[in-house]
Amino acid sequence: MNKVIKIILLSFLLFLFFIIRGYSDELFYDPLIGYFKNDYLYTNMPEISVWRLMIDMLFRYALNSLISLAIIWVLFQRKDYIKFSGFFLMFAFMVLIVVFILLLRDRFESGYLLPFYIRRFIIHPLFLLLLLPAFYYQKLSNR
């Protein structure tokens, strides 16, 4: 793939991340944004529709994962990287969402930091920051 096309595609995909982040309040149900932003130390947790929250988190995670997979494809163009990343992202979501639901049912009685960071990993494409250097190192070590 031509370098100019790669740069344009990567810029477009990164722009999609910004669009998702910018319109997240309108697109996704997440009452925990306000809770973690303001008085989480002094107030009780807001009433949450757990199923709606989980569906919206799944949708947001899926969008971020698809864009992440597209970025990996543009950079490396290897099916094995895409396959590994897809399985890794699915497994990570399953583990994180189960732990998050358990913490949510507990109403964060054991603390707020763990659910805060688990939620961050679910709603933001942080795994891309782990996968890109790993694949780059793999690419360099295979030369």
C-alpha atoms as a PDB file:
ATOM      1  CA  MET A   1       0.000   0.000   0.000  1.00  0.00           C
ATOM      2  CA  ASN A   2       1.242   3.454  -0.896  1.00  0.00           C
ATOM      3  CA  LYS A   3       2.522   5.571   2.028  1.00  0.00           C
ATOM      4  CA  VAL A   4       0.221   8.470   1.165  1.00  0.00           C
ATOM      5  CA  ILE A   5      -2.827   6.184   1.149  1.00  0.00           C
ATOM      6  CA  LYS A   6      -1.745   4.690   4.481  1.00  0.00           C
ATOM      7  CA  ILE A   7      -1.437   8.132   6.053  1.00  0.00           C
ATOM      8  CA  ILE A   8      -4.838   9.204   4.717  1.00  0.00           C
ATOM      9  CA  LEU A   9      -6.501   6.006   5.946  1.00  0.00           C
ATOM     10  CA  LEU A  10      -4.857   6.238   9.370  1.00  0.00           C
ATOM     11  CA  SER A  11      -5.882   9.887   9.676  1.00  0.00           C
ATOM     12  CA  PHE A  12      -9.458   8.990   8.777  1.00  0.00           C
ATOM     13  CA  LEU A  13      -9.550   6.099  11.261  1.00  0.00           C
ATOM     14  CA  LEU A  14      -8.119   8.264  14.046  1.00  0.00           C
ATOM     15  CA  PHE A  15     -10.704  10.911  13.165  1.00  0.00           C
ATOM     16  CA  LEU A  16     -13.401   8.250  13.663  1.00  0.00           C
ATOM     17  CA  PHE A  17     -12.094   7.729  17.211  1.00  0.00           C
ATOM     18  CA  PHE A  18     -12.490  11.468  17.820  1.00  0.00           C
ATOM     19  CA  ILE A  19     -16.027  11.410  16.396  1.00  0.00           C
ATOM     20  CA  ILE A  20     -17.018   8.534  18.696  1.00  0.00           C
ATOM     21  CA  ARG A  21     -15.505  10.334  21.676  1.00  0.00           C
ATOM     22  CA  GLY A  22     -17.019  13.683  20.747  1.00  0.00           C
ATOM     23  CA  TYR A  23     -20.557  12.386  20.299  1.00  0.00           C
ATOM     24  CA  SER A  24     -20.478   9.801  23.069  1.00  0.00           C
ATOM     25  CA  ASP A  25     -22.999  11.715  25.198  1.00  0.00           C
ATOM     26  CA  GLU A  26     -25.570  11.649  22.380  1.00  0.00           C
ATOM     27  CA  LEU A  27     -24.805   8.128  21.132  1.00  0.00           C
ATOM     28  CA  PHE A  28     -24.346   6.095  24.311  1.00  0.00           C
ATOM     29  CA  TYR A  29     -26.104   5.709  27.633  1.00  0.00           C
ATOM     30  CA  ASP A  30     -23.583   6.125  30.436  1.00  0.00           C
ATOM     31  CA  PRO A  31     -24.752   7.675  33.719  1.00  0.00           C
ATOM     32  CA  LEU A  32     -21.367   6.896  35.243  1.00  0.00           C
ATOM     33  CA  ILE A  33     -19.694   9.687  33.265  1.00  0.00           C
ATOM     34  CA  GLY A  34     -21.273  12.321  35.476  1.00  0.00           C
ATOM     35  CA  TYR A  35     -20.756  10.205  38.565  1.00  0.00           C
ATOM     36  CA  PHE A  36     -17.019   9.759  38.034  1.00  0.00           C
ATOM     37  CA  LYS A  37     -16.621  13.354  36.855  1.00  0.00           C
ATOM     38  CA  ASN A  38     -18.089  15.020  39.935  1.00  0.00           C
ATOM     39  CA  ASP A  39     -18.980  13.698  43.364  1.00  0.00           C
ATOM     40  CA  TYR A  40     -18.199   9.994  43.342  1.00  0.00           C
ATOM     41  CA  LEU A  41     -16.481  10.288  46.712  1.00  0.00           C
ATOM     42  CA  TYR A  42     -19.403  12.012  48.423  1.00  0.00           C
ATOM     43  CA  THR A  43     -22.606  10.781  46.764  1.00  0.00           C
ATOM     44  CA  ASN A  44     -24.279   7.471  46.143  1.00  0.00           C
ATOM     45  CA  MET A  45     -24.131   5.828  42.777  1.00  0.00           C
ATOM     46  CA  PRO A  46     -26.938   6.949  40.414  1.00  0.00           C
ATOM     47  CA  GLU A  47     -29.732   4.625  39.343  1.00  0.00           C
ATOM     48  CA  ILE A  48     -28.533   2.641  36.370  1.00  0.00           C
ATOM     49  CA  SER A  49     -30.320   0.571  33.770  1.00  0.00           C
ATOM     50  CA  VAL A  50     -27.731  -2.218  33.787  1.00  0.00           C
ATOM     51  CA  TRP A  51     -28.839  -3.905  30.569  1.00  0.00           C
ATOM     52  CA  ARG A  52     -28.942  -0.647  28.647  1.00  0.00           C
ATOM     53  CA  LEU A  53     -25.516   0.291  29.974  1.00  0.00           C
ATOM     54  CA  MET A  54     -24.062  -3.096  29.001  1.00  0.00           C
ATOM     55  CA  ILE A  55     -25.557  -2.964  25.489  1.00  0.00           C
ATOM     56  CA  ASP A  56     -24.229   0.542  24.917  1.00  0.00           C
ATOM     57  CA  MET A  57     -20.810  -0.423  26.292  1.00  0.00           C
ATOM     58  CA  LEU A  58     -20.778  -3.426  23.956  1.00  0.00           C
ATOM     59  CA  PHE A  59     -21.718  -1.215  21.018  1.00  0.00           C
ATOM     60  CA  ARG A  60     -19.040   1.342  21.846  1.00  0.00           C
ATOM     61  CA  TYR A  61     -16.427  -1.368  22.417  1.00  0.00           C
ATOM     62  CA  ALA A  62     -17.363  -2.989  19.098  1.00  0.00           C
ATOM     63  CA  LEU A  63     -17.011   0.316  17.218  1.00  0.00           C
ATOM     64  CA  ASN A  64     -13.646   1.026  18.817  1.00  0.00           C
ATOM     65  CA  SER A  65     -12.506  -2.556  18.176  1.00  0.00           C
ATOM     66  CA  LEU A  66     -13.454  -2.436  14.493  1.00  0.00           C
ATOM     67  CA  ILE A  67     -11.563   0.822  14.040  1.00  0.00           C
ATOM     68  CA  SER A  68      -8.600  -0.625  15.958  1.00  0.00           C
ATOM     69  CA  LEU A  69      -8.583  -3.697  13.722  1.00  0.00           C
ATOM     70  CA  ALA A  70      -8.697  -1.460  10.662  1.00  0.00           C
ATOM     71  CA  ILE A  71      -5.706   0.510  11.967  1.00  0.00           C
ATOM     72  CA  ILE A  72      -3.781  -2.714  12.562  1.00  0.00           C
ATOM     73  CA  TRP A  73      -4.639  -3.871   9.056  1.00  0.00           C
ATOM     74  CA  VAL A  74      -3.530  -0.604   7.463  1.00  0.00           C
ATOM     75  CA  LEU A  75      -0.240  -0.628   9.350  1.00  0.00           C
ATOM     76  CA  PHE A  76       0.728  -4.305   9.085  1.00  0.00           C
ATOM     77  CA  GLN A  77      -1.564  -5.991   6.510  1.00  0.00           C
ATOM     78  CA  ARG A  78      -1.303  -9.409   8.133  1.00  0.00           C
ATOM     79  CA  LYS A  79      -4.263 -11.688   8.712  1.00  0.00           C
ATOM     80  CA  ASP A  80      -2.661 -13.377  11.706  1.00  0.00           C
ATOM     81  CA  TYR A  81      -2.362 -10.015  13.476  1.00  0.00           C
ATOM     82  CA  ILE A  82      -6.030  -9.281  12.782  1.00  0.00           C
ATOM     83  CA  LYS A  83      -7.090 -12.723  13.929  1.00  0.00           C
ATOM     84  CA  PHE A  84      -5.075 -12.504  17.146  1.00  0.00           C
ATOM     85  CA  SER A  85      -6.303  -8.966  17.832  1.00  0.00           C
ATOM     86  CA  GLY A  86      -9.909  -9.964  17.242  1.00  0.00           C
ATOM     87  CA  PHE A  87      -9.703 -12.876  19.666  1.00  0.00           C
ATOM     88  CA  PHE A  88      -7.790 -10.789  22.186  1.00  0.00           C
ATOM     89  CA  LEU A  89     -10.352  -7.976  22.041  1.00  0.00           C
ATOM     90  CA  MET A  90     -13.288 -10.401  22.379  1.00  0.00           C
ATOM     91  CA  PHE A  91     -11.704 -12.208  25.314  1.00  0.00           C
ATOM     92  CA  ALA A  92     -10.754  -8.931  27.006  1.00  0.00           C
ATOM     93  CA  PHE A  93     -14.308  -7.623  26.664  1.00  0.00           C
ATOM     94  CA  MET A  94     -15.804 -10.785  28.127  1.00  0.00           C
ATOM     95  CA  VAL A  95     -13.500 -10.688  31.144  1.00  0.00           C
ATOM     96  CA  LEU A  96     -13.831  -6.953  31.709  1.00  0.00           C
ATOM     97  CA  ILE A  97     -17.604  -6.838  31.359  1.00  0.00           C
ATOM     98  CA  VAL A  98     -18.105  -9.713  33.808  1.00  0.00           C
ATOM     99  CA  VAL A  99     -15.891  -8.044  36.403  1.00  0.00           C
ATOM    100  CA  PHE A 100     -17.582  -4.699  35.770  1.00  0.00           C
ATOM    101  CA  ILE A 101     -21.067  -6.194  36.216  1.00  0.00           C
ATOM    102  CA  LEU A 102     -20.012  -7.815  39.472  1.00  0.00           C
ATOM    103  CA  LEU A 103     -18.621  -4.526  40.740  1.00  0.00           C
ATOM    104  CA  LEU A 104     -21.738  -2.718  39.566  1.00  0.00           C
ATOM    105  CA  ARG A 105     -23.985  -5.170  41.437  1.00  0.00           C
ATOM    106  CA  ASP A 106     -21.851  -4.519  44.518  1.00  0.00           C
ATOM    107  CA  ARG A 107     -22.495  -0.774  43.919  1.00  0.00           C
ATOM    108  CA  PHE A 108     -18.738  -0.150  44.087  1.00  0.00           C
ATOM    109  CA  GLU A 109     -18.630  -0.941  47.803  1.00  0.00           C
ATOM    110  CA  SER A 110     -15.045  -2.159  47.502  1.00  0.00           C
ATOM    111  CA  GLY A 111     -13.899   1.129  45.989  1.00  0.00           C
ATOM    112  CA  TYR A 112     -14.343   3.160  42.861  1.00  0.00           C
ATOM    113  CA  LEU A 113     -10.910   2.952  41.194  1.00  0.00           C
ATOM    114  CA  LEU A 114     -11.182  -0.586  39.824  1.00  0.00           C
ATOM    115  CA  PRO A 115     -14.594  -0.036  38.175  1.00  0.00           C
ATOM    116  CA  PHE A 116     -13.423   3.362  36.922  1.00  0.00           C
ATOM    117  CA  TYR A 117     -10.430   1.858  35.107  1.00  0.00           C
ATOM    118  CA  ILE A 118     -12.300  -1.204  33.881  1.00  0.00           C
ATOM    119  CA  ARG A 119     -14.899   1.121  32.388  1.00  0.00           C
ATOM    120  CA  ARG A 120     -12.077   3.113  30.783  1.00  0.00           C
ATOM    121  CA  PHE A 121     -10.686  -0.004  29.122  1.00  0.00           C
ATOM    122  CA  ILE A 122     -14.146  -0.858  27.826  1.00  0.00           C
ATOM    123  CA  ILE A 123     -15.168   2.526  26.446  1.00  0.00           C
ATOM    124  CA  HIS A 124     -11.798   3.702  25.098  1.00  0.00           C
ATOM    125  CA  PRO A 125      -9.511   1.959  22.587  1.00  0.00           C
ATOM    126  CA  LEU A 126      -6.673   1.493  25.065  1.00  0.00           C
ATOM    127  CA  PHE A 127      -5.864  -2.038  23.899  1.00  0.00           C
ATOM    128  CA  LEU A 128      -4.719  -0.565  20.596  1.00  0.00           C
ATOM    129  CA  LEU A 129      -1.924   1.132  22.544  1.00  0.00           C
ATOM    130  CA  LEU A 130      -0.818  -2.303  23.735  1.00  0.00           C
ATOM    131  CA  LEU A 131      -1.209  -4.161  20.457  1.00  0.00           C
ATOM    132  CA  LEU A 132       0.565  -1.727  18.124  1.00  0.00           C
ATOM    133  CA  PRO A 133       3.961  -1.800  19.881  1.00  0.00           C
ATOM    134  CA  ALA A 134       3.690  -5.578  20.317  1.00  0.00           C
ATOM    135  CA  PHE A 135       3.080  -6.112  16.601  1.00  0.00           C
ATOM    136  CA  TYR A 136       5.784  -3.629  15.670  1.00  0.00           C
ATOM    137  CA  TYR A 137       8.269  -5.470  17.887  1.00  0.00           C
ATOM    138  CA  GLN A 138       7.146  -8.769  16.369  1.00  0.00           C
ATOM    139  CA  LYS A 139       7.659  -7.343  12.900  1.00  0.00           C
ATOM    140  CA  LEU A 140      11.166  -6.124  13.790  1.00  0.00           C
ATOM    141  CA  SER A 141      12.190  -9.404  15.405  1.00  0.00           C
ATOM    142  CA  ASN A 142      11.086 -11.440  12.377  1.00  0.00           C
ATOM    143  CA  ARG A 143      13.425  -9.617   9.991  1.00  0.00           C
END
